[in-house]
């Protein structure tokens, strides 16, 4: 690895601040797993997500209990 930790971490902290609105102290308190989970949730679903038919079926099932 040719890049030092400090500059890379500072750049990542800036990206997180822009994307998620996290202040630096929140970034530094987060675990790598927390950061990965939040960023993964922001990405589009690889399988295209849920379709309208499934949403309607879930809404109908919930309505009846």
N, C-alpha and C. Protein backbone atom coordinates (compact mmCIF):
# COMPACT_ATOMS: atom_id res chain seq x y z
N UNK A 1 0.85 -1.16 0.00
CA UNK A 1 0.00 0.00 0.00
C UNK A 1 0.90 1.23 0.00
N UNK A 2 0.67 2.13 -0.93
CA UNK A 2 1.55 3.28 -1.06
C UNK A 2 1.04 4.50 -0.30
N UNK A 3 -0.23 4.53 0.05
CA UNK A 3 -0.79 5.68 0.73
C UNK A 3 -0.74 5.49 2.25
N UNK A 4 -0.44 6.56 2.95
CA UNK A 4 -0.42 6.51 4.41
C UNK A 4 -1.85 6.56 4.94
N UNK A 5 -2.04 6.06 6.15
CA UNK A 5 -3.36 5.99 6.76
C UNK A 5 -3.99 7.36 6.93
N UNK A 6 -3.26 8.32 7.46
CA UNK A 6 -3.81 9.63 7.79
C UNK A 6 -4.49 10.34 6.64
N UNK A 7 -3.80 10.54 5.51
CA UNK A 7 -4.45 11.22 4.39
C UNK A 7 -5.67 10.47 3.84
N UNK A 8 -5.58 9.15 3.79
CA UNK A 8 -6.72 8.37 3.32
C UNK A 8 -7.91 8.47 4.26
N UNK A 9 -7.65 8.41 5.56
CA UNK A 9 -8.73 8.51 6.55
C UNK A 9 -9.36 9.89 6.52
N UNK A 10 -8.54 10.92 6.36
CA UNK A 10 -9.08 12.28 6.30
C UNK A 10 -9.97 12.45 5.08
N UNK A 11 -9.55 11.91 3.94
CA UNK A 11 -10.36 11.98 2.73
C UNK A 11 -11.68 11.21 2.91
N UNK A 12 -11.62 10.02 3.50
CA UNK A 12 -12.82 9.22 3.74
C UNK A 12 -13.76 9.95 4.70
N UNK A 13 -13.21 10.59 5.73
CA UNK A 13 -14.01 11.36 6.67
C UNK A 13 -14.76 12.47 5.94
N UNK A 14 -14.08 13.13 5.01
CA UNK A 14 -14.73 14.19 4.22
C UNK A 14 -15.84 13.65 3.34
N UNK A 15 -15.61 12.50 2.73
CA UNK A 15 -16.66 11.87 1.90
C UNK A 15 -17.88 11.53 2.75
N UNK A 16 -17.64 10.97 3.91
CA UNK A 16 -18.75 10.59 4.80
C UNK A 16 -19.51 11.82 5.25
N UNK A 17 -18.80 12.90 5.54
CA UNK A 17 -19.47 14.14 5.93
C UNK A 17 -20.39 14.64 4.82
N UNK A 18 -19.92 14.56 3.57
CA UNK A 18 -20.74 15.01 2.45
C UNK A 18 -21.91 14.08 2.17
N UNK A 19 -21.66 12.77 2.19
CA UNK A 19 -22.69 11.80 1.84
C UNK A 19 -23.73 11.60 2.93
N UNK A 20 -23.28 11.51 4.18
CA UNK A 20 -24.17 11.14 5.28
C UNK A 20 -24.47 12.29 6.23
N UNK A 21 -23.72 13.37 6.12
CA UNK A 21 -23.92 14.48 7.04
C UNK A 21 -23.33 14.24 8.42
N UNK A 22 -22.43 13.25 8.50
CA UNK A 22 -21.80 12.94 9.79
C UNK A 22 -20.72 13.96 10.10
N UNK A 23 -20.71 14.53 11.30
CA UNK A 23 -19.57 15.36 11.70
C UNK A 23 -18.36 14.46 11.95
N UNK A 24 -17.15 15.03 11.96
CA UNK A 24 -15.95 14.21 12.14
C UNK A 24 -15.99 13.31 13.37
N UNK A 25 -16.51 13.81 14.49
CA UNK A 25 -16.51 12.97 15.70
C UNK A 25 -17.39 11.73 15.53
N UNK A 26 -18.47 11.84 14.77
CA UNK A 26 -19.32 10.66 14.52
C UNK A 26 -18.58 9.65 13.64
N UNK A 27 -17.88 10.14 12.64
CA UNK A 27 -17.08 9.27 11.78
C UNK A 27 -16.05 8.51 12.60
N UNK A 28 -15.35 9.20 13.47
CA UNK A 28 -14.27 8.58 14.23
C UNK A 28 -14.79 7.62 15.30
N UNK A 29 -16.04 7.79 15.75
CA UNK A 29 -16.63 6.86 16.73
C UNK A 29 -17.22 5.62 16.07
N UNK A 30 -17.51 5.71 14.77
CA UNK A 30 -18.15 4.59 14.06
C UNK A 30 -17.15 3.46 13.84
N UNK A 31 -17.66 2.25 13.92
CA UNK A 31 -16.82 1.10 13.57
C UNK A 31 -16.84 0.94 12.06
N UNK A 32 -15.86 0.26 11.50
CA UNK A 32 -15.89 0.00 10.06
C UNK A 32 -17.17 -0.73 9.63
N UNK A 33 -17.66 -1.62 10.47
CA UNK A 33 -18.89 -2.35 10.14
C UNK A 33 -20.09 -1.40 10.09
N UNK A 34 -20.18 -0.46 11.04
CA UNK A 34 -21.28 0.52 11.02
C UNK A 34 -21.24 1.36 9.75
N UNK A 35 -20.06 1.83 9.41
CA UNK A 35 -19.92 2.64 8.20
C UNK A 35 -20.30 1.83 6.96
N UNK A 36 -19.83 0.62 6.86
CA UNK A 36 -20.15 -0.23 5.71
C UNK A 36 -21.64 -0.51 5.63
N UNK A 37 -22.29 -0.73 6.77
CA UNK A 37 -23.73 -1.00 6.78
C UNK A 37 -24.52 0.19 6.29
N UNK A 38 -24.18 1.37 6.77
CA UNK A 38 -24.89 2.58 6.35
C UNK A 38 -24.67 2.85 4.86
N UNK A 39 -23.44 2.70 4.41
CA UNK A 39 -23.16 2.95 2.99
C UNK A 39 -23.83 1.90 2.11
N UNK A 40 -23.87 0.65 2.54
CA UNK A 40 -24.53 -0.40 1.76
C UNK A 40 -26.03 -0.13 1.65
N UNK A 41 -26.63 0.40 2.71
CA UNK A 41 -28.06 0.70 2.68
C UNK A 41 -28.38 1.80 1.67
N UNK A 42 -27.42 2.67 1.41
CA UNK A 42 -27.62 3.77 0.47
C UNK A 42 -27.45 3.33 -0.99
N UNK A 43 -26.89 2.15 -1.19
CA UNK A 43 -26.64 1.66 -2.56
C UNK A 43 -27.90 0.99 -3.10
N UNK A 44 -28.10 1.05 -4.41
CA UNK A 44 -29.24 0.35 -5.00
C UNK A 44 -29.12 -1.15 -4.80
N UNK A 45 -30.24 -1.80 -4.67
CA UNK A 45 -30.26 -3.25 -4.50
C UNK A 45 -29.74 -3.92 -5.77
N UNK A 46 -28.84 -4.90 -5.64
CA UNK A 46 -28.29 -5.54 -6.83
C UNK A 46 -29.33 -6.33 -7.62
N UNK A 47 -30.40 -6.73 -6.98
CA UNK A 47 -31.42 -7.51 -7.70
C UNK A 47 -32.59 -6.65 -8.17
N UNK A 48 -32.43 -5.34 -8.10
CA UNK A 48 -33.48 -4.44 -8.60
C UNK A 48 -34.50 -4.05 -7.55
N UNK A 49 -34.37 -4.55 -6.33
CA UNK A 49 -35.29 -4.16 -5.27
C UNK A 49 -36.59 -4.93 -5.30
N UNK A 50 -37.58 -4.37 -4.67
CA UNK A 50 -38.88 -5.02 -4.53
C UNK A 50 -39.81 -4.51 -5.62
N UNK A 51 -40.63 -5.39 -6.16
CA UNK A 51 -41.53 -4.97 -7.22
C UNK A 51 -42.89 -4.57 -6.64
N UNK A 52 -43.69 -3.93 -7.46
CA UNK A 52 -44.99 -3.40 -7.01
C UNK A 52 -45.91 -4.52 -6.56
N UNK A 53 -45.89 -5.65 -7.24
CA UNK A 53 -46.76 -6.77 -6.86
C UNK A 53 -46.44 -7.25 -5.45
N UNK A 54 -45.17 -7.34 -5.11
CA UNK A 54 -44.77 -7.77 -3.77
C UNK A 54 -45.19 -6.73 -2.73
N UNK A 55 -45.02 -5.47 -3.03
CA UNK A 55 -45.44 -4.41 -2.10
C UNK A 55 -46.93 -4.50 -1.85
N UNK A 56 -47.72 -4.66 -2.92
CA UNK A 56 -49.17 -4.77 -2.76
C UNK A 56 -49.55 -5.99 -1.91
N UNK A 57 -48.88 -7.12 -2.14
CA UNK A 57 -49.18 -8.32 -1.36
C UNK A 57 -48.84 -8.11 0.12
N UNK A 58 -47.71 -7.47 0.38
CA UNK A 58 -47.35 -7.20 1.78
C UNK A 58 -48.34 -6.25 2.44
N UNK A 59 -48.77 -5.24 1.71
CA UNK A 59 -49.75 -4.29 2.26
C UNK A 59 -51.09 -4.99 2.54
N UNK A 60 -51.49 -5.85 1.64
CA UNK A 60 -52.75 -6.59 1.83
C UNK A 60 -52.66 -7.52 3.03
N UNK A 61 -51.55 -8.23 3.16
CA UNK A 61 -51.35 -9.14 4.29
C UNK A 61 -51.34 -8.37 5.61
N UNK A 62 -50.69 -7.22 5.63
CA UNK A 62 -50.61 -6.42 6.86
C UNK A 62 -51.99 -5.86 7.24
N UNK A 63 -52.75 -5.51 6.25
CA UNK A 63 -54.08 -4.95 6.49
C UNK A 63 -54.97 -5.96 7.20
N UNK A 64 -54.77 -7.24 6.92
CA UNK A 64 -55.62 -8.28 7.49
C UNK A 64 -54.99 -8.98 8.68
N UNK A 65 -53.95 -8.43 9.17
CA UNK A 65 -53.49 -8.93 10.38
C UNK A 65 -52.32 -9.65 10.70
